[in-house]
């Protein structure tokens, strides 16, 4: 590649695999949190405790949605990383073939 810039597609593929493993962990975390419930009385007996409990429930619901969103983002990241690495590999082969046809050589 030009000007000393080099990309290691294997490193990108490895990153994609690591991201995929993270994606597999998100549903496990979500299942663990699904069963966490805080009873209304845990926030006290004062009138404001009902508001605290409602705010907690809203926060817990948002956290469940966040986990779902994170899982979707990780899937997209895995797909993008693999596509990027694949494009680098394809470009290297095309470049090598281009130099090979013209008499030069370029290791892949």
PDB file of N, CA and C in Angstrom:
ATOM      1  N   UNK A   1       0.844  -1.176   0.000  1.00  0.00           N
ATOM      2  CA  UNK A   1       0.000   0.000   0.000  1.00  0.00           C
ATOM      3  C   UNK A   1       0.890   1.240   0.000  1.00  0.00           C
ATOM      4  N   UNK A   2       0.342   2.348  -0.387  1.00  0.00           N
ATOM      5  CA  UNK A   2       1.114   3.557  -0.562  1.00  0.00           C
ATOM      6  C   UNK A   2       1.543   4.214   0.732  1.00  0.00           C
ATOM      7  N   UNK A   3       2.691   4.883   0.648  1.00  0.00           N
ATOM      8  CA  UNK A   3       3.190   5.734   1.720  1.00  0.00           C
ATOM      9  C   UNK A   3       3.362   5.014   3.059  1.00  0.00           C
ATOM     10  N   UNK A   4       3.666   3.740   3.024  1.00  0.00           N
ATOM     11  CA  UNK A   4       3.946   3.001   4.250  1.00  0.00           C
ATOM     12  C   UNK A   4       2.725   2.600   5.050  1.00  0.00           C
ATOM     13  N   UNK A   5       1.549   2.895   4.568  1.00  0.00           N
ATOM     14  CA  UNK A   5       0.321   2.496   5.277  1.00  0.00           C
ATOM     15  C   UNK A   5       0.043   1.032   5.007  1.00  0.00           C
ATOM     16  N   UNK A   6      -0.085   0.261   6.063  1.00  0.00           N
ATOM     17  CA  UNK A   6      -0.385  -1.152   5.909  1.00  0.00           C
ATOM     18  C   UNK A   6      -1.564  -1.518   6.794  1.00  0.00           C
ATOM     19  N   UNK A   7      -2.362  -2.403   6.278  1.00  0.00           N
ATOM     20  CA  UNK A   7      -3.509  -2.902   7.021  1.00  0.00           C
ATOM     21  C   UNK A   7      -3.408  -4.407   7.090  1.00  0.00           C
ATOM     22  N   UNK A   8      -3.683  -4.946   8.255  1.00  0.00           N
ATOM     23  CA  UNK A   8      -3.645  -6.393   8.439  1.00  0.00           C
ATOM     24  C   UNK A   8      -5.088  -6.902   8.481  1.00  0.00           C
ATOM     25  N   UNK A   9      -5.589  -7.439   7.366  1.00  0.00           N
ATOM     26  CA  UNK A   9      -6.966  -7.923   7.349  1.00  0.00           C
ATOM     27  C   UNK A   9      -7.230  -8.994   8.408  1.00  0.00           C
ATOM     28  N   UNK A  10      -6.213  -9.802   8.721  1.00  0.00           N
ATOM     29  CA  UNK A  10      -6.404 -10.823   9.756  1.00  0.00           C
ATOM     30  C   UNK A  10      -6.714 -10.188  11.112  1.00  0.00           C
ATOM     31  N   UNK A  11      -6.103  -9.045  11.382  1.00  0.00           N
ATOM     32  CA  UNK A  11      -6.388  -8.338  12.639  1.00  0.00           C
ATOM     33  C   UNK A  11      -7.830  -7.843  12.649  1.00  0.00           C
ATOM     34  N   UNK A  12      -8.308  -7.389  11.498  1.00  0.00           N
ATOM     35  CA  UNK A  12      -9.698  -6.920  11.410  1.00  0.00           C
ATOM     36  C   UNK A  12     -10.651  -8.099  11.568  1.00  0.00           C
ATOM     37  N   UNK A  13     -10.328  -9.236  10.917  1.00  0.00           N
ATOM     38  CA  UNK A  13     -11.157 -10.432  11.093  1.00  0.00           C
ATOM     39  C   UNK A  13     -11.159 -10.876  12.559  1.00  0.00           C
ATOM     40  N   UNK A  14     -10.005 -10.789  13.218  1.00  0.00           N
ATOM     41  CA  UNK A  14      -9.913 -11.155  14.641  1.00  0.00           C
ATOM     42  C   UNK A  14     -10.768 -10.223  15.496  1.00  0.00           C
ATOM     43  N   UNK A  15     -10.745  -8.945  15.176  1.00  0.00           N
ATOM     44  CA  UNK A  15     -11.582  -7.976  15.892  1.00  0.00           C
ATOM     45  C   UNK A  15     -13.056  -8.309  15.697  1.00  0.00           C
ATOM     46  N   UNK A  16     -13.421  -8.707  14.475  1.00  0.00           N
ATOM     47  CA  UNK A  16     -14.813  -9.091  14.194  1.00  0.00           C
ATOM     48  C   UNK A  16     -15.211 -10.293  15.046  1.00  0.00           C
ATOM     49  N   UNK A  17     -14.308 -11.263  15.176  1.00  0.00           N
ATOM     50  CA  UNK A  17     -14.610 -12.445  15.995  1.00  0.00           C
ATOM     51  C   UNK A  17     -14.781 -12.070  17.458  1.00  0.00           C
ATOM     52  N   UNK A  18     -13.925 -11.171  17.951  1.00  0.00           N
ATOM     53  CA  UNK A  18     -14.061 -10.714  19.333  1.00  0.00           C
ATOM     54  C   UNK A  18     -15.361  -9.965  19.555  1.00  0.00           C
ATOM     55  N   UNK A  19     -15.741  -9.162  18.592  1.00  0.00           N
ATOM     56  CA  UNK A  19     -16.999  -8.416  18.676  1.00  0.00           C
ATOM     57  C   UNK A  19     -18.182  -9.382  18.648  1.00  0.00           C
ATOM     58  N   UNK A  20     -18.061 -10.440  17.854  1.00  0.00           N
ATOM     59  CA  UNK A  20     -19.126 -11.445  17.799  1.00  0.00           C
ATOM     60  C   UNK A  20     -19.285 -12.141  19.148  1.00  0.00           C
ATOM     61  N   UNK A  21     -18.169 -12.417  19.810  1.00  0.00           N
ATOM     62  CA  UNK A  21     -18.246 -13.024  21.156  1.00  0.00           C
ATOM     63  C   UNK A  21     -18.933 -12.073  22.133  1.00  0.00           C
ATOM     64  N   UNK A  22     -18.640 -10.772  22.017  1.00  0.00           N
ATOM     65  CA  UNK A  22     -19.307  -9.790  22.872  1.00  0.00           C
ATOM     66  C   UNK A  22     -20.803  -9.789  22.596  1.00  0.00           C
ATOM     67  N   UNK A  23     -21.162  -9.885  21.319  1.00  0.00           N
ATOM     68  CA  UNK A  23     -22.575  -9.924  20.953  1.00  0.00           C
ATOM     69  C   UNK A  23     -23.273 -11.112  21.599  1.00  0.00           C
ATOM     70  N   UNK A  24     -22.599 -12.230  21.694  1.00  0.00           N
ATOM     71  CA  UNK A  24     -23.196 -13.429  22.288  1.00  0.00           C
ATOM     72  C   UNK A  24     -23.410 -13.270  23.796  1.00  0.00           C
ATOM     73  N   UNK A  25     -22.638 -12.391  24.431  1.00  0.00           N
ATOM     74  CA  UNK A  25     -22.767 -12.171  25.867  1.00  0.00           C
ATOM     75  C   UNK A  25     -23.948 -11.269  26.226  1.00  0.00           C
ATOM     76  N   UNK A  26     -24.325 -10.392  25.325  1.00  0.00           N
ATOM     77  CA  UNK A  26     -25.379  -9.417  25.632  1.00  0.00           C
ATOM     78  C   UNK A  26     -26.697 -10.099  26.010  1.00  0.00           C
ATOM     79  N   UNK A  27     -27.181 -11.088  25.255  1.00  0.00           N
ATOM     80  CA  UNK A  27     -28.429 -11.744  25.660  1.00  0.00           C
ATOM     81  C   UNK A  27     -28.327 -12.431  27.031  1.00  0.00           C
ATOM     82  N   UNK A  28     -27.144 -12.963  27.338  1.00  0.00           N
ATOM     83  CA  UNK A  28     -26.955 -13.592  28.655  1.00  0.00           C
ATOM     84  C   UNK A  28     -27.113 -12.548  29.757  1.00  0.00           C
ATOM     85  N   UNK A  29     -26.544 -11.394  29.562  1.00  0.00           N
ATOM     86  CA  UNK A  29     -26.662 -10.305  30.543  1.00  0.00           C
ATOM     87  C   UNK A  29     -28.113  -9.859  30.649  1.00  0.00           C
ATOM     88  N   UNK A  30     -28.777  -9.737  29.513  1.00  0.00           N
ATOM     89  CA  UNK A  30     -30.183  -9.320  29.513  1.00  0.00           C
ATOM     90  C   UNK A  30     -31.044 -10.323  30.281  1.00  0.00           C
ATOM     91  N   UNK A  31     -30.784 -11.614  30.087  1.00  0.00           N
ATOM     92  CA  UNK A  31     -31.567 -12.641  30.811  1.00  0.00           C
ATOM     93  C   UNK A  31     -31.343 -12.543  32.314  1.00  0.00           C
ATOM     94  N   UNK A  32     -30.121 -12.251  32.724  1.00  0.00           N
ATOM     95  CA  UNK A  32     -29.838 -12.103  34.159  1.00  0.00           C
ATOM     96  C   UNK A  32     -30.581 -10.907  34.745  1.00  0.00           C
ATOM     97  N   UNK A  33     -30.627  -9.818  34.003  1.00  0.00           N
ATOM     98  CA  UNK A  33     -31.280  -8.605  34.503  1.00  0.00           C
ATOM     99  C   UNK A  33     -32.800  -8.678  34.425  1.00  0.00           C
ATOM    100  N   UNK A  34     -33.308  -9.541  33.559  1.00  0.00           N
ATOM    101  CA  UNK A  34     -34.753  -9.696  33.412  1.00  0.00           C
ATOM    102  C   UNK A  34     -35.436 -10.043  34.733  1.00  0.00           C
ATOM    103  N   UNK A  35     -34.746 -10.814  35.538  1.00  0.00           N
ATOM    104  CA  UNK A  35     -35.342 -11.334  36.768  1.00  0.00           C
ATOM    105  C   UNK A  35     -35.133 -10.419  37.971  1.00  0.00           C
ATOM    106  N   UNK A  36     -34.474  -9.298  37.762  1.00  0.00           N
ATOM    107  CA  UNK A  36     -34.255  -8.360  38.860  1.00  0.00           C
ATOM    108  C   UNK A  36     -35.476  -7.452  38.958  1.00  0.00           C
ATOM    109  N   UNK A  37     -36.197  -7.587  40.045  1.00  0.00           N
ATOM    110  CA  UNK A  37     -37.353  -6.728  40.286  1.00  0.00           C
ATOM    111  C   UNK A  37     -37.234  -6.130  41.675  1.00  0.00           C
ATOM    112  N   UNK A  38     -37.510  -4.877  41.760  1.00  0.00           N
ATOM    113  CA  UNK A  38     -37.475  -4.168  43.034  1.00  0.00           C
ATOM    114  C   UNK A  38     -38.910  -3.874  43.441  1.00  0.00           C
ATOM    115  N   UNK A  39     -39.347  -4.391  44.583  1.00  0.00           N
ATOM    116  CA  UNK A  39     -40.726  -4.126  45.016  1.00  0.00           C
ATOM    117  C   UNK A  39     -40.908  -2.648  45.378  1.00  0.00           C
ATOM    118  N   UNK A  40     -42.117  -2.183  45.251  1.00  0.00           N
ATOM    119  CA  UNK A  40     -42.425  -0.775  45.505  1.00  0.00           C
ATOM    120  C   UNK A  40     -42.021  -0.357  46.919  1.00  0.00           C
ATOM    121  N   UNK A  41     -42.171  -1.228  47.879  1.00  0.00           N
ATOM    122  CA  UNK A  41     -41.852  -0.886  49.262  1.00  0.00           C
ATOM    123  C   UNK A  41     -40.372  -0.661  49.511  1.00  0.00           C
ATOM    124  N   UNK A  42     -39.519  -1.084  48.594  1.00  0.00           N
ATOM    125  CA  UNK A  42     -38.079  -0.928  48.779  1.00  0.00           C
ATOM    126  C   UNK A  42     -37.651   0.531  48.743  1.00  0.00           C
ATOM    127  N   UNK A  43     -38.503   1.403  48.236  1.00  0.00           N
ATOM    128  CA  UNK A  43     -38.162   2.816  48.131  1.00  0.00           C
ATOM    129  C   UNK A  43     -38.716   3.628  49.294  1.00  0.00           C
ATOM    130  N   UNK A  44     -39.254   2.963  50.280  1.00  0.00           N
ATOM    131  CA  UNK A  44     -39.734   3.646  51.470  1.00  0.00           C
ATOM    132  C   UNK A  44     -41.247   3.778  51.493  1.00  0.00           C
ATOM    133  N   UNK A  45     -41.724   4.415  52.545  1.00  0.00           N
ATOM    134  CA  UNK A  45     -43.164   4.563  52.753  1.00  0.00           C
ATOM    135  C   UNK A  45     -43.665   5.980  52.497  1.00  0.00           C
ATOM    136  N   UNK A  46     -42.779   6.891  52.214  1.00  0.00           N
ATOM    137  CA  UNK A  46     -43.184   8.270  51.979  1.00  0.00           C
ATOM    138  C   UNK A  46     -43.883   8.383  50.626  1.00  0.00           C
ATOM    139  N   UNK A  47     -44.701   9.410  50.433  1.00  0.00           N
ATOM    140  CA  UNK A  47     -45.416   9.566  49.162  1.00  0.00           C
ATOM    141  C   UNK A  47     -44.479   9.615  47.946  1.00  0.00           C
ATOM    142  N   UNK A  48     -43.287  10.160  48.104  1.00  0.00           N
ATOM    143  CA  UNK A  48     -42.338  10.264  46.999  1.00  0.00           C
ATOM    144  C   UNK A  48     -41.775   8.901  46.590  1.00  0.00           C
ATOM    145  N   UNK A  49     -41.945   7.893  47.439  1.00  0.00           N
ATOM    146  CA  UNK A  49     -41.382   6.583  47.126  1.00  0.00           C
ATOM    147  C   UNK A  49     -42.037   5.978  45.886  1.00  0.00           C
ATOM    148  N   UNK A  50     -43.326   6.282  45.693  1.00  0.00           N
ATOM    149  CA  UNK A  50     -43.992   5.781  44.482  1.00  0.00           C
ATOM    150  C   UNK A  50     -43.356   6.383  43.224  1.00  0.00           C
ATOM    151  N   UNK A  51     -43.008   7.661  43.308  1.00  0.00           N
ATOM    152  CA  UNK A  51     -42.342   8.305  42.177  1.00  0.00           C
ATOM    153  C   UNK A  51     -40.957   7.695  41.939  1.00  0.00           C
ATOM    154  N   UNK A  52     -40.263   7.388  43.019  1.00  0.00           N
ATOM    155  CA  UNK A  52     -38.952   6.750  42.883  1.00  0.00           C
ATOM    156  C   UNK A  52     -39.075   5.376  42.236  1.00  0.00           C
ATOM    157  N   UNK A  53     -40.077   4.625  42.656  1.00  0.00           N
ATOM    158  CA  UNK A  53     -40.286   3.296  42.095  1.00  0.00           C
ATOM    159  C   UNK A  53     -40.642   3.391  40.611  1.00  0.00           C
ATOM    160  N   UNK A  54     -41.478   4.339  40.260  1.00  0.00           N
ATOM    161  CA  UNK A  54     -41.842   4.530  38.853  1.00  0.00           C
ATOM    162  C   UNK A  54     -40.615   4.932  38.030  1.00  0.00           C
ATOM    163  N   UNK A  55     -39.797   5.826  38.593  1.00  0.00           N
ATOM    164  CA  UNK A  55     -38.584   6.245  37.887  1.00  0.00           C
ATOM    165  C   UNK A  55     -37.634   5.055  37.718  1.00  0.00           C
ATOM    166  N   UNK A  56     -37.523   4.225  38.744  1.00  0.00           N
ATOM    167  CA  UNK A  56     -36.684   3.030  38.644  1.00  0.00           C
ATOM    168  C   UNK A  56     -37.195   2.113  37.531  1.00  0.00           C
ATOM    169  N   UNK A  57     -38.501   1.882  37.489  1.00  0.00           N
ATOM    170  CA  UNK A  57     -39.072   1.014  36.463  1.00  0.00           C
ATOM    171  C   UNK A  57     -38.818   1.560  35.056  1.00  0.00           C
ATOM    172  N   UNK A  58     -38.930   2.880  34.905  1.00  0.00           N
ATOM    173  CA  UNK A  58     -38.624   3.490  33.608  1.00  0.00           C
ATOM    174  C   UNK A  58     -37.160   3.265  33.234  1.00  0.00           C
ATOM    175  N   UNK A  59     -36.284   3.441  34.197  1.00  0.00           N
ATOM    176  CA  UNK A  59     -34.850   3.251  33.970  1.00  0.00           C
ATOM    177  C   UNK A  59     -34.546   1.793  33.614  1.00  0.00           C
ATOM    178  N   UNK A  60     -35.164   0.865  34.323  1.00  0.00           N
ATOM    179  CA  UNK A  60     -34.940  -0.554  34.052  1.00  0.00           C
ATOM    180  C   UNK A  60     -35.439  -0.927  32.659  1.00  0.00           C
ATOM    181  N   UNK A  61     -36.575  -0.383  32.273  1.00  0.00           N
ATOM    182  CA  UNK A  61     -37.113  -0.637  30.938  1.00  0.00           C
ATOM    183  C   UNK A  61     -36.180  -0.073  29.867  1.00  0.00           C
ATOM    184  N   UNK A  62     -35.670   1.119  30.093  1.00  0.00           N
ATOM    185  CA  UNK A  62     -34.729   1.732  29.152  1.00  0.00           C
ATOM    186  C   UNK A  62     -33.445   0.905  29.058  1.00  0.00           C
ATOM    187  N   UNK A  63     -32.991   0.362  30.171  1.00  0.00           N
ATOM    188  CA  UNK A  63     -31.784  -0.462  30.166  1.00  0.00           C
ATOM    189  C   UNK A  63     -32.002  -1.732  29.350  1.00  0.00           C
ATOM    190  N   UNK A  64     -33.177  -2.337  29.459  1.00  0.00           N
ATOM    191  CA  UNK A  64     -33.473  -3.524  28.650  1.00  0.00           C
ATOM    192  C   UNK A  64     -33.459  -3.170  27.159  1.00  0.00           C
ATOM    193  N   UNK A  65     -34.022  -2.018  26.817  1.00  0.00           N
ATOM    194  CA  UNK A  65     -34.009  -1.576  25.420  1.00  0.00           C
ATOM    195  C   UNK A  65     -32.579  -1.288  24.970  1.00  0.00           C
ATOM    196  N   UNK A  66     -31.783  -0.695  25.857  1.00  0.00           N
ATOM    197  CA  UNK A  66     -30.381  -0.418  25.523  1.00  0.00           C
ATOM    198  C   UNK A  66     -29.630  -1.707  25.204  1.00  0.00           C
ATOM    199  N   UNK A  67     -29.866  -2.748  25.976  1.00  0.00           N
ATOM    200  CA  UNK A  67     -29.209  -4.032  25.713  1.00  0.00           C
ATOM    201  C   UNK A  67     -29.612  -4.583  24.345  1.00  0.00           C
ATOM    202  N   UNK A  68     -30.879  -4.448  24.018  1.00  0.00           N
ATOM    203  CA  UNK A  68     -31.345  -4.877  22.699  1.00  0.00           C
ATOM    204  C   UNK A  68     -30.644  -4.063  21.603  1.00  0.00           C
ATOM    205  N   UNK A  69     -30.544  -2.757  21.800  1.00  0.00           N
ATOM    206  CA  UNK A  69     -29.890  -1.883  20.821  1.00  0.00           C
ATOM    207  C   UNK A  69     -28.404  -2.209  20.689  1.00  0.00           C
ATOM    208  N   UNK A  70     -27.760  -2.492  21.819  1.00  0.00           N
ATOM    209  CA  UNK A  70     -26.345  -2.854  21.793  1.00  0.00           C
ATOM    210  C   UNK A  70     -26.138  -4.124  20.982  1.00  0.00           C
ATOM    211  N   UNK A  71     -27.005  -5.106  21.176  1.00  0.00           N
ATOM    212  CA  UNK A  71     -26.895  -6.357  20.423  1.00  0.00           C
ATOM    213  C   UNK A  71     -26.997  -6.082  18.925  1.00  0.00           C
ATOM    214  N   UNK A  72     -27.926  -5.235  18.523  1.00  0.00           N
ATOM    215  CA  UNK A  72     -28.073  -4.896  17.101  1.00  0.00           C
ATOM    216  C   UNK A  72     -26.842  -4.163  16.571  1.00  0.00           C
ATOM    217  N   UNK A  73     -26.304  -3.236  17.359  1.00  0.00           N
ATOM    218  CA  UNK A  73     -25.110  -2.505  16.942  1.00  0.00           C
ATOM    219  C   UNK A  73     -23.917  -3.439  16.772  1.00  0.00           C
ATOM    220  N   UNK A  74     -23.780  -4.396  17.686  1.00  0.00           N
ATOM    221  CA  UNK A  74     -22.668  -5.331  17.586  1.00  0.00           C
ATOM    222  C   UNK A  74     -22.777  -6.205  16.341  1.00  0.00           C
ATOM    223  N   UNK A  75     -23.994  -6.610  15.998  1.00  0.00           N
ATOM    224  CA  UNK A  75     -24.186  -7.394  14.766  1.00  0.00           C
ATOM    225  C   UNK A  75     -23.729  -6.561  13.569  1.00  0.00           C
ATOM    226  N   UNK A  76     -24.140  -5.317  13.532  1.00  0.00           N
ATOM    227  CA  UNK A  76     -23.734  -4.435  12.440  1.00  0.00           C
ATOM    228  C   UNK A  76     -22.228  -4.228  12.407  1.00  0.00           C
ATOM    229  N   UNK A  77     -21.620  -4.098  13.583  1.00  0.00           N
ATOM    230  CA  UNK A  77     -20.173  -3.912  13.643  1.00  0.00           C
ATOM    231  C   UNK A  77     -19.441  -5.140  13.114  1.00  0.00           C
ATOM    232  N   UNK A  78     -19.912  -6.328  13.483  1.00  0.00           N
ATOM    233  CA  UNK A  78     -19.292  -7.566  12.998  1.00  0.00           C
ATOM    234  C   UNK A  78     -19.377  -7.628  11.477  1.00  0.00           C
ATOM    235  N   UNK A  79     -20.549  -7.366  10.945  1.00  0.00           N
ATOM    236  CA  UNK A  79     -20.725  -7.404   9.490  1.00  0.00           C
ATOM    237  C   UNK A  79     -19.822  -6.378   8.803  1.00  0.00           C
ATOM    238  N   UNK A  80     -19.738  -5.190   9.350  1.00  0.00           N
ATOM    239  CA  UNK A  80     -18.914  -4.134   8.748  1.00  0.00           C
ATOM    240  C   UNK A  80     -17.429  -4.468   8.823  1.00  0.00           C
ATOM    241  N   UNK A  81     -16.990  -5.002   9.957  1.00  0.00           N
ATOM    242  CA  UNK A  81     -15.583  -5.377  10.095  1.00  0.00           C
ATOM    243  C   UNK A  81     -15.206  -6.470   9.098  1.00  0.00           C
ATOM    244  N   UNK A  82     -16.061  -7.467   8.977  1.00  0.00           N
ATOM    245  CA  UNK A  82     -15.767  -8.549   8.036  1.00  0.00           C
ATOM    246  C   UNK A  82     -15.774  -8.039   6.588  1.00  0.00           C
ATOM    247  N   UNK A  83     -16.714  -7.174   6.276  1.00  0.00           N
ATOM    248  CA  UNK A  83     -16.759  -6.611   4.923  1.00  0.00           C
ATOM    249  C   UNK A  83     -15.511  -5.780   4.651  1.00  0.00           C
ATOM    250  N   UNK A  84     -15.101  -4.976   5.619  1.00  0.00           N
ATOM    251  CA  UNK A  84     -13.908  -4.144   5.456  1.00  0.00           C
ATOM    252  C   UNK A  84     -12.675  -5.003   5.228  1.00  0.00           C
ATOM    253  N   UNK A  85     -12.501  -6.021   6.064  1.00  0.00           N
ATOM    254  CA  UNK A  85     -11.346  -6.910   5.905  1.00  0.00           C
ATOM    255  C   UNK A  85     -11.399  -7.604   4.548  1.00  0.00           C
ATOM    256  N   UNK A  86     -12.574  -8.038   4.143  1.00  0.00           N
ATOM    257  CA  UNK A  86     -12.724  -8.683   2.844  1.00  0.00           C
ATOM    258  C   UNK A  86     -12.352  -7.755   1.704  1.00  0.00           C
ATOM    259  N   UNK A  87     -12.710  -6.476   1.828  1.00  0.00           N
ATOM    260  CA  UNK A  87     -12.361  -5.505   0.785  1.00  0.00           C
ATOM    261  C   UNK A  87     -10.849  -5.288   0.729  1.00  0.00           C
ATOM    262  N   UNK A  88     -10.208  -5.246   1.909  1.00  0.00           N
ATOM    263  CA  UNK A  88      -8.751  -5.106   1.907  1.00  0.00           C
ATOM    264  C   UNK A  88      -8.091  -6.299   1.229  1.00  0.00           C
ATOM    265  N   UNK A  89      -8.570  -7.506   1.538  1.00  0.00           N
ATOM    266  CA  UNK A  89      -8.008  -8.704   0.913  1.00  0.00           C
ATOM    267  C   UNK A  89      -8.223  -8.663  -0.596  1.00  0.00           C
ATOM    268  N   UNK A  90      -9.436  -8.347  -1.023  1.00  0.00           N
ATOM    269  CA  UNK A  90      -9.733  -8.284  -2.451  1.00  0.00           C
ATOM    270  C   UNK A  90      -8.866  -7.234  -3.139  1.00  0.00           C
ATOM    271  N   UNK A  91      -8.674  -6.096  -2.482  1.00  0.00           N
ATOM    272  CA  UNK A  91      -7.843  -5.033  -3.049  1.00  0.00           C
ATOM    273  C   UNK A  91      -6.391  -5.489  -3.172  1.00  0.00           C
ATOM    274  N   UNK A  92      -5.896  -6.192  -2.167  1.00  0.00           N
ATOM    275  CA  UNK A  92      -4.521  -6.697  -2.225  1.00  0.00           C
ATOM    276  C   UNK A  92      -4.347  -7.656  -3.393  1.00  0.00           C
ATOM    277  N   UNK A  93      -5.310  -8.551  -3.568  1.00  0.00           N
ATOM    278  CA  UNK A  93      -5.230  -9.497  -4.687  1.00  0.00           C
ATOM    279  C   UNK A  93      -5.296  -8.766  -6.028  1.00  0.00           C
ATOM    280  N   UNK A  94      -6.195  -7.803  -6.122  1.00  0.00           N
ATOM    281  CA  UNK A  94      -6.320  -7.047  -7.370  1.00  0.00           C
ATOM    282  C   UNK A  94      -5.043  -6.271  -7.659  1.00  0.00           C
ATOM    283  N   UNK A  95      -4.457  -5.679  -6.633  1.00  0.00           N
ATOM    284  CA  UNK A  95      -3.212  -4.933  -6.800  1.00  0.00           C
ATOM    285  C   UNK A  95      -2.081  -5.870  -7.205  1.00  0.00           C
ATOM    286  N   UNK A  96      -1.992  -7.003  -6.515  1.00  0.00           N
ATOM    287  CA  UNK A  96      -0.958  -7.987  -6.840  1.00  0.00           C
ATOM    288  C   UNK A  96      -1.124  -8.473  -8.277  1.00  0.00           C
ATOM    289  N   UNK A  97      -2.364  -8.783  -8.668  1.00  0.00           N
ATOM    290  CA  UNK A  97      -2.609  -9.246 -10.032  1.00  0.00           C
ATOM    291  C   UNK A  97      -2.278  -8.164 -11.047  1.00  0.00           C
ATOM    292  N   UNK A  98      -2.561  -6.917 -10.708  1.00  0.00           N
ATOM    293  CA  UNK A  98      -2.244  -5.800 -11.600  1.00  0.00           C
ATOM    294  C   UNK A  98      -0.753  -5.643 -11.791  1.00  0.00           C
ATOM    295  N   UNK A  99       0.002  -5.752 -10.695  1.00  0.00           N
ATOM    296  CA  UNK A  99       1.456  -5.666 -10.817  1.00  0.00           C
ATOM    297  C   UNK A  99       2.010  -6.907 -11.506  1.00  0.00           C
ATOM    298  N   UNK A 100       1.391  -8.073 -11.227  1.00  0.00           N
ATOM    299  CA  UNK A 100       1.854  -9.310 -11.841  1.00  0.00           C
ATOM    300  C   UNK A 100       1.708  -9.283 -13.346  1.00  0.00           C
ATOM    301  N   UNK A 101       0.637  -8.685 -13.835  1.00  0.00           N
ATOM    302  CA  UNK A 101       0.403  -8.623 -15.281  1.00  0.00           C
ATOM    303  C   UNK A 101       1.383  -7.662 -15.944  1.00  0.00           C
ATOM    304  N   UNK A 102       1.843  -6.680 -15.169  1.00  0.00           N
ATOM    305  CA  UNK A 102       2.759  -5.692 -15.755  1.00  0.00           C
ATOM    306  C   UNK A 102       4.212  -6.021 -15.512  1.00  0.00           C
ATOM    307  N   UNK A 103       4.519  -7.157 -14.952  1.00  0.00           N
ATOM    308  CA  UNK A 103       5.898  -7.558 -14.757  1.00  0.00           C
ATOM    309  C   UNK A 103       6.422  -7.300 -13.352  1.00  0.00           C
ATOM    310  N   UNK A 104       5.708  -6.521 -12.532  1.00  0.00           N
ATOM    311  CA  UNK A 104       6.159  -6.288 -11.166  1.00  0.00           C
ATOM    312  C   UNK A 104       5.654  -7.370 -10.245  1.00  0.00           C
ATOM    313  N   UNK A 105       6.030  -7.291  -8.977  1.00  0.00           N
ATOM    314  CA  UNK A 105       5.498  -8.261  -8.011  1.00  0.00           C
ATOM    315  C   UNK A 105       5.245  -7.549  -6.699  1.00  0.00           C
ATOM    316  N   UNK A 106       4.240  -8.037  -6.004  1.00  0.00           N
ATOM    317  CA  UNK A 106       3.868  -7.463  -4.714  1.00  0.00           C
ATOM    318  C   UNK A 106       3.401  -8.584  -3.818  1.00  0.00           C
ATOM    319  N   UNK A 107       4.066  -8.830  -2.718  1.00  0.00           N
ATOM    320  CA  UNK A 107       3.623  -9.910  -1.824  1.00  0.00           C
ATOM    321  C   UNK A 107       2.315  -9.556  -1.146  1.00  0.00           C
ATOM    322  N   UNK A 108       1.516 -10.557  -0.889  1.00  0.00           N
ATOM    323  CA  UNK A 108       0.235 -10.345  -0.202  1.00  0.00           C
ATOM    324  C   UNK A 108       0.370 -10.789   1.217  1.00  0.00           C
TER     325      UNK A 108
END
